[in-house]
């Protein structure tokens, strides 16, 4: 399987601290992988490296087989990386309508020129917001805002999507609804996805393949239901929460 996202032996140093320590992770084309880790494990730093916002002190980062970062150097700037992100705080532009939020990213990427209106309507219809084009984010419920953020991330057909714990603060019912929507969208579109979370149940709902990040190191990559009995406190907690043997 061709890797859409690849980190090979990536380290990030800040001062005397090693934030990422030889992290290696490959996400295949059309694959959904969950990156699980406790607070402070380096999850956000790993995302920043993929986005080109953090320079690795060691290792290589590739997108679609192309080297985009390497030790001490960013080869491809963030704005030229074909990645989309859904953040925990969503980061919708409050002064733009729902349609305007999607139109802005289409124009900034130079995608689907002449087809923007149809593209936006189609994408909003897919997330159940076909009648919300002219509303502003402040006029929407939390769940509706989540759907706008998802639509904005997918409207350009990016090479890969990064989910930075966007479901973390949702109630159970809303989270289940959005997980079902994401599963449907990713399957229909063949999306490549790296889903960052600290919630093993959330990870298990979206994918079977996970990577465990602890203290800056990828300590496990594989199926969630094949996590070894032995391991760190966090790994054992993940196994138990996801329904494995305790």
C-alpha atoms as a PDB file:
ATOM      1  CA  UNK A   1       0.000   0.000   0.000  1.00  0.00           C
ATOM      2  CA  UNK A   2       1.319   3.432  -0.971  1.00  0.00           C
ATOM      3  CA  UNK A   3       1.847   5.746   2.010  1.00  0.00           C
ATOM      4  CA  UNK A   4       0.043   9.075   1.744  1.00  0.00           C
ATOM      5  CA  UNK A   5       1.535  10.253   5.042  1.00  0.00           C
ATOM      6  CA  UNK A   6       4.910   9.051   6.246  1.00  0.00           C
ATOM      7  CA  UNK A   7       7.136   9.995   9.148  1.00  0.00           C
ATOM      8  CA  UNK A   8      10.424   8.120   9.353  1.00  0.00           C
ATOM      9  CA  UNK A   9      12.557   8.375  12.503  1.00  0.00           C
ATOM     10  CA  UNK A  10      11.289  11.907  13.202  1.00  0.00           C
ATOM     11  CA  UNK A  11      12.540  13.765  16.266  1.00  0.00           C
ATOM     12  CA  UNK A  12      11.737  17.283  17.451  1.00  0.00           C
ATOM     13  CA  UNK A  13      13.850  19.035  20.064  1.00  0.00           C
ATOM     14  CA  UNK A  14      12.851  22.120  22.029  1.00  0.00           C
ATOM     15  CA  UNK A  15      15.671  23.409  24.179  1.00  0.00           C
ATOM     16  CA  UNK A  16      16.862  20.394  26.119  1.00  0.00           C
ATOM     17  CA  UNK A  17      13.577  18.531  25.675  1.00  0.00           C
ATOM     18  CA  UNK A  18      12.984  15.787  23.132  1.00  0.00           C
ATOM     19  CA  UNK A  19       9.310  16.234  22.202  1.00  0.00           C
ATOM     20  CA  UNK A  20       9.284  13.599  19.462  1.00  0.00           C
ATOM     21  CA  UNK A  21      11.817  10.798  19.701  1.00  0.00           C
ATOM     22  CA  UNK A  22      12.377   8.825  16.508  1.00  0.00           C
ATOM     23  CA  UNK A  23       8.684   8.603  15.634  1.00  0.00           C
ATOM     24  CA  UNK A  24       7.839   6.442  12.621  1.00  0.00           C
ATOM     25  CA  UNK A  25       4.308   6.288  11.251  1.00  0.00           C
ATOM     26  CA  UNK A  26       2.897   5.447   7.815  1.00  0.00           C
ATOM     27  CA  UNK A  27      -0.717   6.014   6.747  1.00  0.00           C
ATOM     28  CA  UNK A  28      -1.656   4.333   3.483  1.00  0.00           C
ATOM     29  CA  UNK A  29      -3.705   5.900   0.719  1.00  0.00           C
ATOM     30  CA  UNK A  30      -7.395   5.690   1.621  1.00  0.00           C
ATOM     31  CA  UNK A  31      -6.597   4.461   5.136  1.00  0.00           C
ATOM     32  CA  UNK A  32      -7.972   5.811   8.410  1.00  0.00           C
ATOM     33  CA  UNK A  33      -5.543   5.579  11.337  1.00  0.00           C
ATOM     34  CA  UNK A  34      -6.117   6.786  14.889  1.00  0.00           C
ATOM     35  CA  UNK A  35      -3.185   8.277  16.796  1.00  0.00           C
ATOM     36  CA  UNK A  36      -3.764   7.662  20.493  1.00  0.00           C
ATOM     37  CA  UNK A  37      -1.737   9.211  23.261  1.00  0.00           C
ATOM     38  CA  UNK A  38      -2.070  10.800  26.691  1.00  0.00           C
ATOM     39  CA  UNK A  39      -1.750  14.536  27.223  1.00  0.00           C
ATOM     40  CA  UNK A  40       1.819  15.706  26.651  1.00  0.00           C
ATOM     41  CA  UNK A  41       2.774  12.690  24.535  1.00  0.00           C
ATOM     42  CA  UNK A  42       3.615  14.767  21.451  1.00  0.00           C
ATOM     43  CA  UNK A  43       0.414  14.365  19.413  1.00  0.00           C
ATOM     44  CA  UNK A  44       0.071  18.066  18.604  1.00  0.00           C
ATOM     45  CA  UNK A  45       3.762  18.323  17.723  1.00  0.00           C
ATOM     46  CA  UNK A  46       3.456  15.400  15.327  1.00  0.00           C
ATOM     47  CA  UNK A  47       0.566  17.149  13.580  1.00  0.00           C
ATOM     48  CA  UNK A  48       2.558  20.380  13.383  1.00  0.00           C
ATOM     49  CA  UNK A  49       5.424  18.493  11.750  1.00  0.00           C
ATOM     50  CA  UNK A  50       3.058  17.055   9.138  1.00  0.00           C
ATOM     51  CA  UNK A  51       1.618  20.508   8.489  1.00  0.00           C
ATOM     52  CA  UNK A  52       5.059  22.074   8.097  1.00  0.00           C
ATOM     53  CA  UNK A  53       4.663  24.266  11.175  1.00  0.00           C
ATOM     54  CA  UNK A  54       7.431  22.488  13.083  1.00  0.00           C
ATOM     55  CA  UNK A  55      10.886  21.601  11.780  1.00  0.00           C
ATOM     56  CA  UNK A  56      12.159  18.123  12.677  1.00  0.00           C
ATOM     57  CA  UNK A  57      15.633  17.933  14.162  1.00  0.00           C
ATOM     58  CA  UNK A  58      15.989  14.436  12.698  1.00  0.00           C
ATOM     59  CA  UNK A  59      14.159  12.242  10.220  1.00  0.00           C
ATOM     60  CA  UNK A  60      12.080  12.652   7.082  1.00  0.00           C
ATOM     61  CA  UNK A  61       8.443  13.557   6.430  1.00  0.00           C
ATOM     62  CA  UNK A  62       6.809  12.533   3.154  1.00  0.00           C
ATOM     63  CA  UNK A  63       3.404  13.312   1.660  1.00  0.00           C
ATOM     64  CA  UNK A  64       2.381  11.179  -1.293  1.00  0.00           C
ATOM     65  CA  UNK A  65       5.942   9.883  -1.570  1.00  0.00           C
ATOM     66  CA  UNK A  66       7.424  13.387  -1.788  1.00  0.00           C
ATOM     67  CA  UNK A  67       9.842  14.585   0.882  1.00  0.00           C
ATOM     68  CA  UNK A  68       8.329  17.737   2.407  1.00  0.00           C
ATOM     69  CA  UNK A  69      10.464  18.072   5.556  1.00  0.00           C
ATOM     70  CA  UNK A  70      13.775  16.694   6.729  1.00  0.00           C
ATOM     71  CA  UNK A  71      16.245  17.333   9.525  1.00  0.00           C
ATOM     72  CA  UNK A  72      16.510  21.087  10.028  1.00  0.00           C
ATOM     73  CA  UNK A  73      14.601  21.980   6.888  1.00  0.00           C
ATOM     74  CA  UNK A  74      11.042  22.456   5.619  1.00  0.00           C
ATOM     75  CA  UNK A  75      11.093  21.714   1.882  1.00  0.00           C
ATOM     76  CA  UNK A  76       7.418  22.401   1.187  1.00  0.00           C
ATOM     77  CA  UNK A  77       5.710  25.267   3.067  1.00  0.00           C
ATOM     78  CA  UNK A  78       2.412  24.694   4.909  1.00  0.00           C
ATOM     79  CA  UNK A  79       0.254  26.486   2.340  1.00  0.00           C
ATOM     80  CA  UNK A  80       1.482  24.170  -0.420  1.00  0.00           C
ATOM     81  CA  UNK A  81       0.778  20.936   1.446  1.00  0.00           C
ATOM     82  CA  UNK A  82      -2.407  19.271   0.281  1.00  0.00           C
ATOM     83  CA  UNK A  83      -3.685  18.662   3.803  1.00  0.00           C
ATOM     84  CA  UNK A  84      -6.890  19.649   5.572  1.00  0.00           C
ATOM     85  CA  UNK A  85      -7.349  19.910   9.330  1.00  0.00           C
ATOM     86  CA  UNK A  86     -10.366  19.847  11.622  1.00  0.00           C
ATOM     87  CA  UNK A  87      -9.297  21.390  14.929  1.00  0.00           C
ATOM     88  CA  UNK A  88     -10.831  20.838  18.350  1.00  0.00           C
ATOM     89  CA  UNK A  89     -11.914  24.495  18.451  1.00  0.00           C
ATOM     90  CA  UNK A  90     -13.085  24.213  14.794  1.00  0.00           C
ATOM     91  CA  UNK A  91     -11.561  27.631  13.866  1.00  0.00           C
ATOM     92  CA  UNK A  92     -14.486  28.673  11.668  1.00  0.00           C
ATOM     93  CA  UNK A  93     -14.310  32.245  10.385  1.00  0.00           C
ATOM     94  CA  UNK A  94     -17.154  34.019  12.210  1.00  0.00           C
ATOM     95  CA  UNK A  95     -17.422  36.894   9.700  1.00  0.00           C
ATOM     96  CA  UNK A  96     -18.053  34.505   6.794  1.00  0.00           C
ATOM     97  CA  UNK A  97     -21.239  32.596   6.082  1.00  0.00           C
ATOM     98  CA  UNK A  98     -21.260  28.819   5.997  1.00  0.00           C
ATOM     99  CA  UNK A  99     -20.851  28.929   2.214  1.00  0.00           C
ATOM    100  CA  UNK A 100     -18.199  31.628   2.613  1.00  0.00           C
ATOM    101  CA  UNK A 101     -16.115  29.412   4.895  1.00  0.00           C
ATOM    102  CA  UNK A 102     -16.035  26.719   2.205  1.00  0.00           C
ATOM    103  CA  UNK A 103     -15.521  29.190  -0.639  1.00  0.00           C
ATOM    104  CA  UNK A 104     -12.487  30.712   1.073  1.00  0.00           C
ATOM    105  CA  UNK A 105     -10.563  27.429   1.190  1.00  0.00           C
ATOM    106  CA  UNK A 106     -11.533  26.565  -2.377  1.00  0.00           C
ATOM    107  CA  UNK A 107     -10.176  29.883  -3.606  1.00  0.00           C
ATOM    108  CA  UNK A 108      -7.043  29.716  -1.486  1.00  0.00           C
ATOM    109  CA  UNK A 109      -6.266  26.274  -2.934  1.00  0.00           C
ATOM    110  CA  UNK A 110      -7.282  27.275  -6.460  1.00  0.00           C
ATOM    111  CA  UNK A 111      -9.540  24.230  -6.697  1.00  0.00           C
ATOM    112  CA  UNK A 112     -12.702  23.678  -8.745  1.00  0.00           C
ATOM    113  CA  UNK A 113     -12.691  27.108 -10.369  1.00  0.00           C
ATOM    114  CA  UNK A 114     -15.999  27.799 -12.046  1.00  0.00           C
ATOM    115  CA  UNK A 115     -17.580  24.980 -10.033  1.00  0.00           C
ATOM    116  CA  UNK A 116     -17.386  26.545  -6.572  1.00  0.00           C
ATOM    117  CA  UNK A 117     -21.097  27.099  -6.064  1.00  0.00           C
ATOM    118  CA  UNK A 118     -22.070  23.568  -7.107  1.00  0.00           C
ATOM    119  CA  UNK A 119     -19.187  22.103  -5.118  1.00  0.00           C
ATOM    120  CA  UNK A 120     -20.191  23.956  -1.947  1.00  0.00           C
ATOM    121  CA  UNK A 121     -23.849  22.998  -2.280  1.00  0.00           C
ATOM    122  CA  UNK A 122     -22.952  19.343  -2.865  1.00  0.00           C
ATOM    123  CA  UNK A 123     -20.617  19.246   0.129  1.00  0.00           C
ATOM    124  CA  UNK A 124     -23.106  20.908   2.475  1.00  0.00           C
ATOM    125  CA  UNK A 125     -25.801  18.516   1.297  1.00  0.00           C
ATOM    126  CA  UNK A 126     -23.543  15.588   2.191  1.00  0.00           C
ATOM    127  CA  UNK A 127     -23.202  16.831   5.776  1.00  0.00           C
ATOM    128  CA  UNK A 128     -26.911  17.650   6.116  1.00  0.00           C
ATOM    129  CA  UNK A 129     -26.597  21.436   5.877  1.00  0.00           C
ATOM    130  CA  UNK A 130     -27.942  22.154   2.391  1.00  0.00           C
ATOM    131  CA  UNK A 131     -30.228  24.916   3.698  1.00  0.00           C
ATOM    132  CA  UNK A 132     -27.575  26.608   5.855  1.00  0.00           C
ATOM    133  CA  UNK A 133     -25.398  28.271   3.202  1.00  0.00           C
ATOM    134  CA  UNK A 134     -26.272  31.848   4.175  1.00  0.00           C
ATOM    135  CA  UNK A 135     -26.049  31.435   7.942  1.00  0.00           C
ATOM    136  CA  UNK A 136     -23.100  32.546  10.051  1.00  0.00           C
ATOM    137  CA  UNK A 137     -21.259  30.245  12.487  1.00  0.00           C
ATOM    138  CA  UNK A 138     -22.652  32.158  15.472  1.00  0.00           C
ATOM    139  CA  UNK A 139     -26.173  31.248  14.368  1.00  0.00           C
ATOM    140  CA  UNK A 140     -25.471  27.515  14.439  1.00  0.00           C
ATOM    141  CA  UNK A 141     -25.580  24.868  17.140  1.00  0.00           C
ATOM    142  CA  UNK A 142     -22.385  23.128  18.207  1.00  0.00           C
ATOM    143  CA  UNK A 143     -23.200  20.075  16.104  1.00  0.00           C
ATOM    144  CA  UNK A 144     -23.938  22.205  13.051  1.00  0.00           C
ATOM    145  CA  UNK A 145     -20.634  24.027  13.480  1.00  0.00           C
ATOM    146  CA  UNK A 146     -18.871  20.659  13.593  1.00  0.00           C
ATOM    147  CA  UNK A 147     -20.498  19.701  10.306  1.00  0.00           C
ATOM    148  CA  UNK A 148     -19.377  22.969   8.696  1.00  0.00           C
ATOM    149  CA  UNK A 149     -15.795  22.315   9.830  1.00  0.00           C
ATOM    150  CA  UNK A 150     -15.929  18.804   8.370  1.00  0.00           C
ATOM    151  CA  UNK A 151     -17.378  20.095   5.089  1.00  0.00           C
ATOM    152  CA  UNK A 152     -14.719  22.801   4.881  1.00  0.00           C
ATOM    153  CA  UNK A 153     -11.965  20.208   5.367  1.00  0.00           C
ATOM    154  CA  UNK A 154     -13.284  17.894   2.648  1.00  0.00           C
ATOM    155  CA  UNK A 155     -14.523  20.366   0.030  1.00  0.00           C
ATOM    156  CA  UNK A 156     -11.124  20.655  -1.694  1.00  0.00           C
ATOM    157  CA  UNK A 157     -10.650  16.857  -1.906  1.00  0.00           C
ATOM    158  CA  UNK A 158      -7.347  17.031   0.012  1.00  0.00           C
ATOM    159  CA  UNK A 159      -4.732  14.301  -0.222  1.00  0.00           C
ATOM    160  CA  UNK A 160      -5.181  13.667   3.507  1.00  0.00           C
ATOM    161  CA  UNK A 161      -7.278  14.889   6.430  1.00  0.00           C
ATOM    162  CA  UNK A 162      -5.952  15.474   9.942  1.00  0.00           C
ATOM    163  CA  UNK A 163      -8.481  15.365  12.784  1.00  0.00           C
ATOM    164  CA  UNK A 164      -7.122  17.135  15.864  1.00  0.00           C
ATOM    165  CA  UNK A 165      -9.546  15.855  18.532  1.00  0.00           C
ATOM    166  CA  UNK A 166     -12.572  17.647  17.009  1.00  0.00           C
ATOM    167  CA  UNK A 167     -15.020  15.393  18.883  1.00  0.00           C
ATOM    168  CA  UNK A 168     -13.412  15.734  22.311  1.00  0.00           C
ATOM    169  CA  UNK A 169     -15.907  18.126  23.915  1.00  0.00           C
ATOM    170  CA  UNK A 170     -19.150  16.727  22.496  1.00  0.00           C
ATOM    171  CA  UNK A 171     -21.887  14.907  24.380  1.00  0.00           C
ATOM    172  CA  UNK A 172     -22.276  11.203  23.684  1.00  0.00           C
ATOM    173  CA  UNK A 173     -25.290  11.429  21.362  1.00  0.00           C
ATOM    174  CA  UNK A 174     -23.776  14.178  19.210  1.00  0.00           C
ATOM    175  CA  UNK A 175     -20.426  12.384  19.100  1.00  0.00           C
ATOM    176  CA  UNK A 176     -22.103   9.182  17.883  1.00  0.00           C
ATOM    177  CA  UNK A 177     -23.967  11.091  15.158  1.00  0.00           C
ATOM    178  CA  UNK A 178     -20.781  12.753  13.918  1.00  0.00           C
ATOM    179  CA  UNK A 179     -18.767   9.522  14.017  1.00  0.00           C
ATOM    180  CA  UNK A 180     -21.432   7.887  11.839  1.00  0.00           C
ATOM    181  CA  UNK A 181     -21.225  10.840   9.436  1.00  0.00           C
ATOM    182  CA  UNK A 182     -17.418  10.695   9.286  1.00  0.00           C
ATOM    183  CA  UNK A 183     -17.419   6.950   8.624  1.00  0.00           C
ATOM    184  CA  UNK A 184     -19.857   7.436   5.741  1.00  0.00           C
ATOM    185  CA  UNK A 185     -17.955  10.386   4.252  1.00  0.00           C
ATOM    186  CA  UNK A 186     -14.528   8.764   4.509  1.00  0.00           C
ATOM    187  CA  UNK A 187     -15.786   5.528   2.965  1.00  0.00           C
ATOM    188  CA  UNK A 188     -17.541   7.292   0.077  1.00  0.00           C
ATOM    189  CA  UNK A 189     -14.583   9.551  -0.686  1.00  0.00           C
ATOM    190  CA  UNK A 190     -11.751   7.093  -0.037  1.00  0.00           C
ATOM    191  CA  UNK A 191     -10.184   9.640   2.310  1.00  0.00           C
ATOM    192  CA  UNK A 192      -6.768   9.250   3.898  1.00  0.00           C
ATOM    193  CA  UNK A 193      -7.184  10.240   7.548  1.00  0.00           C
ATOM    194  CA  UNK A 194      -5.043  10.596  10.659  1.00  0.00           C
ATOM    195  CA  UNK A 195      -7.377  10.953  13.616  1.00  0.00           C
ATOM    196  CA  UNK A 196      -5.693  12.267  16.762  1.00  0.00           C
ATOM    197  CA  UNK A 197      -7.504  11.415  19.983  1.00  0.00           C
ATOM    198  CA  UNK A 198      -7.015  10.321  23.582  1.00  0.00           C
ATOM    199  CA  UNK A 199     -10.303   8.364  23.562  1.00  0.00           C
ATOM    200  CA  UNK A 200      -9.917   4.668  22.624  1.00  0.00           C
ATOM    201  CA  UNK A 201     -13.671   4.209  22.166  1.00  0.00           C
ATOM    202  CA  UNK A 202     -13.706   7.042  19.647  1.00  0.00           C
ATOM    203  CA  UNK A 203     -10.721   5.489  17.880  1.00  0.00           C
ATOM    204  CA  UNK A 204     -12.363   2.051  17.801  1.00  0.00           C
ATOM    205  CA  UNK A 205     -15.530   3.509  16.262  1.00  0.00           C
ATOM    206  CA  UNK A 206     -13.654   5.071  13.342  1.00  0.00           C
ATOM    207  CA  UNK A 207     -10.921   2.568  12.546  1.00  0.00           C
ATOM    208  CA  UNK A 208      -9.310  -0.757  13.394  1.00  0.00           C
ATOM    209  CA  UNK A 209      -5.716   0.480  12.999  1.00  0.00           C
ATOM    210  CA  UNK A 210      -4.106   2.636  15.641  1.00  0.00           C
ATOM    211  CA  UNK A 211      -0.744   4.067  16.589  1.00  0.00           C
ATOM    212  CA  UNK A 212       0.136   4.646  20.242  1.00  0.00           C
ATOM    213  CA  UNK A 213       2.292   7.688  21.012  1.00  0.00           C
ATOM    214  CA  UNK A 214       3.897   7.865  24.454  1.00  0.00           C
ATOM    215  CA  UNK A 215       6.573  10.322  25.574  1.00  0.00           C
ATOM    216  CA  UNK A 216       7.308  11.225  21.961  1.00  0.00           C
ATOM    217  CA  UNK A 217       7.691   7.630  20.758  1.00  0.00           C
ATOM    218  CA  UNK A 218       5.390   5.462  18.653  1.00  0.00           C
ATOM    219  CA  UNK A 219       5.228   2.404  20.883  1.00  0.00           C
ATOM    220  CA  UNK A 220       2.667   0.391  18.904  1.00  0.00           C
ATOM    221  CA  UNK A 221       1.180   0.360  15.418  1.00  0.00           C
ATOM    222  CA  UNK A 222      -1.451  -2.164  14.454  1.00  0.00           C
ATOM    223  CA  UNK A 223      -4.975  -3.324  15.113  1.00  0.00           C
ATOM    224  CA  UNK A 224      -6.603  -2.016  18.245  1.00  0.00           C
ATOM    225  CA  UNK A 225      -7.872  -5.475  19.168  1.00  0.00           C
ATOM    226  CA  UNK A 226      -4.335  -6.888  18.960  1.00  0.00           C
ATOM    227  CA  UNK A 227      -2.740  -4.623  21.560  1.00  0.00           C
ATOM    228  CA  UNK A 228      -0.416  -6.767  23.683  1.00  0.00           C
ATOM    229  CA  UNK A 229      -1.346  -7.614  27.264  1.00  0.00           C
ATOM    230  CA  UNK A 230       1.978  -6.283  28.461  1.00  0.00           C
ATOM    231  CA  UNK A 231       2.673  -2.602  28.083  1.00  0.00           C
ATOM    232  CA  UNK A 232       2.478   0.775  29.733  1.00  0.00           C
ATOM    233  CA  UNK A 233      -0.324   1.934  31.992  1.00  0.00           C
ATOM    234  CA  UNK A 234      -1.740   3.941  29.095  1.00  0.00           C
ATOM    235  CA  UNK A 235      -1.624   0.999  26.671  1.00  0.00           C
ATOM    236  CA  UNK A 236      -3.384  -1.256  29.176  1.00  0.00           C
ATOM    237  CA  UNK A 237      -6.004   1.447  29.758  1.00  0.00           C
ATOM    238  CA  UNK A 238      -6.560   1.747  26.003  1.00  0.00           C
ATOM    239  CA  UNK A 239      -6.943  -2.002  25.694  1.00  0.00           C
ATOM    240  CA  UNK A 240      -9.454  -2.139  28.524  1.00  0.00           C
ATOM    241  CA  UNK A 241     -11.494   0.841  27.328  1.00  0.00           C
ATOM    242  CA  UNK A 242     -11.632  -0.487  23.771  1.00  0.00           C
ATOM    243  CA  UNK A 243     -13.019  -3.799  24.989  1.00  0.00           C
ATOM    244  CA  UNK A 244      -9.886  -5.929  25.062  1.00  0.00           C
ATOM    245  CA  UNK A 245      -8.770  -8.219  27.845  1.00  0.00           C
ATOM    246  CA  UNK A 246      -7.817  -6.271  30.943  1.00  0.00           C
END
